[in-house]
Amino acid sequence: MTDSTRLPSPFTSWVEQVLSPLEAVRDASHARDNSQVWKVTGHAGDHYAKVEPKPVLYTGETRAYREAVPHLGHGNAPVLRDSSAALLALILTKVDGEPLKGDRHGDPLVTARGRRTVERLMQEGRR
C-alpha cells in the first residue's frame, strides 16, 4: 500500500493530460504492498487512477473494462476513461453505491451473464 498523496511523475503528467489539472489526490490503495490506487479530483470530477503491478494484470483489467463492464449498463460500474500500456495505468470513473442498482441487483440472469462473460475473458486471456 502506498502512503503518498502524490502521483508518480510520469503518471501525473498522463493523468492530467486526460483529466485536466488535478485539484486533489487521495491514496485509495488496498492494504497490499503492490496496490497503487488514487482518488483524483479535478475539473472532470472524481476519478480513480491506478497502476497495475504486472503487465498481465493490466491486460486483464483493461480488457474487462472494455469488454465485460459495458454489458452492466451505464452507471452500474466504473467506466474506463483511458489506459496506458507503457505505464500499466488506468483511469476509471467513480460509481457511487452498489455496483448493480434497482431491480437488476441480485437478478440471477444478470449475475449468470456476468459470470459467463468474466469466465470467457479469463479463458481467452490464457491462450
Protein backbone atom coordinates (compact mmCIF):
# COMPACT_ATOMS: atom_id res chain seq x y z
CA MET A 1 0.00 0.00 0.00
CA THR A 2 1.27 3.46 -0.77
CA ASP A 3 1.14 6.22 1.80
CA SER A 4 1.51 9.03 -0.70
CA THR A 5 -0.95 11.68 -1.75
CA ARG A 6 1.27 12.35 -4.76
CA LEU A 7 1.21 10.51 -8.03
CA PRO A 8 4.48 9.31 -9.59
CA SER A 9 5.82 11.96 -12.03
CA PRO A 10 5.23 10.38 -15.46
CA PHE A 11 1.88 9.09 -14.21
CA THR A 12 0.85 12.59 -13.06
CA SER A 13 1.53 14.07 -16.50
CA TRP A 14 -0.55 11.40 -18.22
CA VAL A 15 -3.47 11.69 -15.75
CA GLU A 16 -3.55 15.47 -16.14
CA GLN A 17 -3.47 15.17 -19.95
CA VAL A 18 -6.59 13.01 -19.74
CA LEU A 19 -8.49 14.77 -16.94
CA SER A 20 -7.05 18.33 -16.82
CA PRO A 21 -5.09 19.68 -13.84
CA LEU A 22 -5.84 17.92 -10.58
CA GLU A 23 -7.19 19.74 -7.55
CA ALA A 24 -6.88 16.89 -5.03
CA VAL A 25 -5.24 13.48 -4.80
CA ARG A 26 -6.00 10.92 -2.10
CA ASP A 27 -4.47 7.49 -1.63
CA ALA A 28 -7.17 4.84 -2.19
CA SER A 29 -4.90 1.78 -2.28
CA HIS A 30 -5.89 -1.57 -0.83
CA ALA A 31 -3.93 -2.98 2.11
CA ARG A 32 -1.41 -4.73 -0.15
CA ASP A 33 2.22 -3.85 -0.80
CA ASN A 34 1.73 -3.58 -4.57
CA SER A 35 -1.57 -1.64 -4.58
CA GLN A 36 -1.30 1.78 -6.22
CA VAL A 37 -4.70 3.48 -6.46
CA TRP A 38 -5.53 7.15 -6.03
CA LYS A 39 -8.80 9.05 -5.98
CA VAL A 40 -8.17 12.14 -8.07
CA THR A 41 -10.38 15.21 -8.30
CA GLY A 42 -10.29 17.96 -10.89
CA HIS A 43 -12.49 19.85 -13.34
CA ALA A 44 -13.55 16.50 -14.83
CA GLY A 45 -14.88 15.32 -11.44
CA ASP A 46 -13.82 12.39 -9.28
CA HIS A 47 -11.93 9.51 -10.85
CA TYR A 48 -9.69 6.67 -9.78
CA ALA A 49 -6.20 6.38 -11.23
CA LYS A 50 -4.33 3.16 -10.72
CA VAL A 51 -1.13 1.43 -11.70
CA GLU A 52 -1.10 -2.34 -12.05
CA PRO A 53 1.99 -4.14 -10.71
CA LYS A 54 2.29 -6.58 -13.65
CA PRO A 55 1.52 -6.42 -17.38
CA VAL A 56 -0.76 -9.47 -17.18
CA LEU A 57 -2.92 -7.75 -14.54
CA TYR A 58 -3.06 -4.56 -16.60
CA THR A 59 -4.08 -6.52 -19.71
CA GLY A 60 -6.79 -8.47 -17.88
CA GLU A 61 -8.31 -5.47 -16.14
CA THR A 62 -8.21 -3.27 -19.23
CA ARG A 63 -9.87 -5.98 -21.27
CA ALA A 64 -12.57 -6.50 -18.64
CA TYR A 65 -13.38 -2.77 -18.59
CA ARG A 66 -13.53 -2.64 -22.38
CA GLU A 67 -15.50 -5.83 -22.99
CA ALA A 68 -17.37 -7.01 -19.89
CA VAL A 69 -18.22 -3.88 -17.92
CA PRO A 70 -20.21 -2.16 -20.72
CA HIS A 71 -22.73 -5.02 -20.50
CA LEU A 72 -23.56 -3.99 -16.93
CA GLY A 73 -25.08 -0.74 -18.16
CA HIS A 74 -24.30 2.94 -17.68
CA GLY A 75 -23.94 3.93 -14.05
CA ASN A 76 -23.67 0.37 -12.74
CA ALA A 77 -19.89 0.02 -12.93
CA PRO A 78 -16.85 2.24 -13.40
CA VAL A 79 -16.05 3.29 -16.96
CA LEU A 80 -12.53 3.12 -18.35
CA ARG A 81 -11.69 6.70 -19.32
CA ASP A 82 -8.20 5.90 -20.59
CA SER A 83 -5.35 3.43 -20.20
CA SER A 84 -1.62 3.44 -20.80
CA ALA A 85 0.19 0.19 -21.55
CA ALA A 86 3.54 1.96 -21.13
CA LEU A 87 2.63 2.96 -17.55
CA LEU A 88 0.42 -0.10 -16.81
CA ALA A 89 -2.12 2.50 -15.76
CA LEU A 90 -5.88 3.03 -15.91
CA ILE A 91 -8.20 5.96 -15.23
CA LEU A 92 -11.70 4.97 -14.13
CA THR A 93 -14.85 6.90 -13.36
CA LYS A 94 -16.27 6.79 -9.85
CA VAL A 95 -19.53 4.96 -9.21
CA ASP A 96 -21.47 5.65 -6.01
CA GLY A 97 -23.44 2.95 -4.27
CA GLU A 98 -23.74 -0.69 -5.19
CA PRO A 99 -22.34 -1.94 -8.49
CA LEU A 100 -25.77 -3.15 -9.61
CA LYS A 101 -28.72 -0.96 -8.67
CA GLY A 102 -32.55 -1.23 -8.83
CA ASP A 103 -34.35 -4.38 -9.89
CA ARG A 104 -31.18 -5.77 -11.63
CA HIS A 105 -29.37 -6.16 -8.23
CA GLY A 106 -29.38 -9.82 -7.30
CA ASP A 107 -31.05 -10.81 -10.57
CA PRO A 108 -29.83 -14.38 -11.25
CA LEU A 109 -29.88 -13.87 -15.02
CA VAL A 110 -27.70 -10.76 -14.83
CA THR A 111 -25.36 -12.47 -12.36
CA ALA A 112 -25.03 -15.56 -14.55
CA ARG A 113 -24.39 -13.47 -17.65
CA GLY A 114 -21.69 -11.50 -15.85
CA ARG A 115 -20.00 -14.68 -14.61
CA ARG A 116 -20.05 -16.23 -18.08
CA THR A 117 -18.50 -13.09 -19.56
CA VAL A 118 -15.73 -13.00 -16.95
CA GLU A 119 -15.05 -16.73 -17.41
CA ARG A 120 -14.84 -16.32 -21.19
CA LEU A 121 -12.46 -13.38 -20.86
CA MET A 122 -10.27 -15.30 -18.42
CA GLN A 123 -10.10 -18.31 -20.77
CA GLU A 124 -9.27 -16.15 -23.77
CA GLY A 125 -6.54 -14.42 -21.78
CA ARG A 126 -4.81 -17.75 -21.09
CA ARG A 127 -4.37 -18.60 -24.79
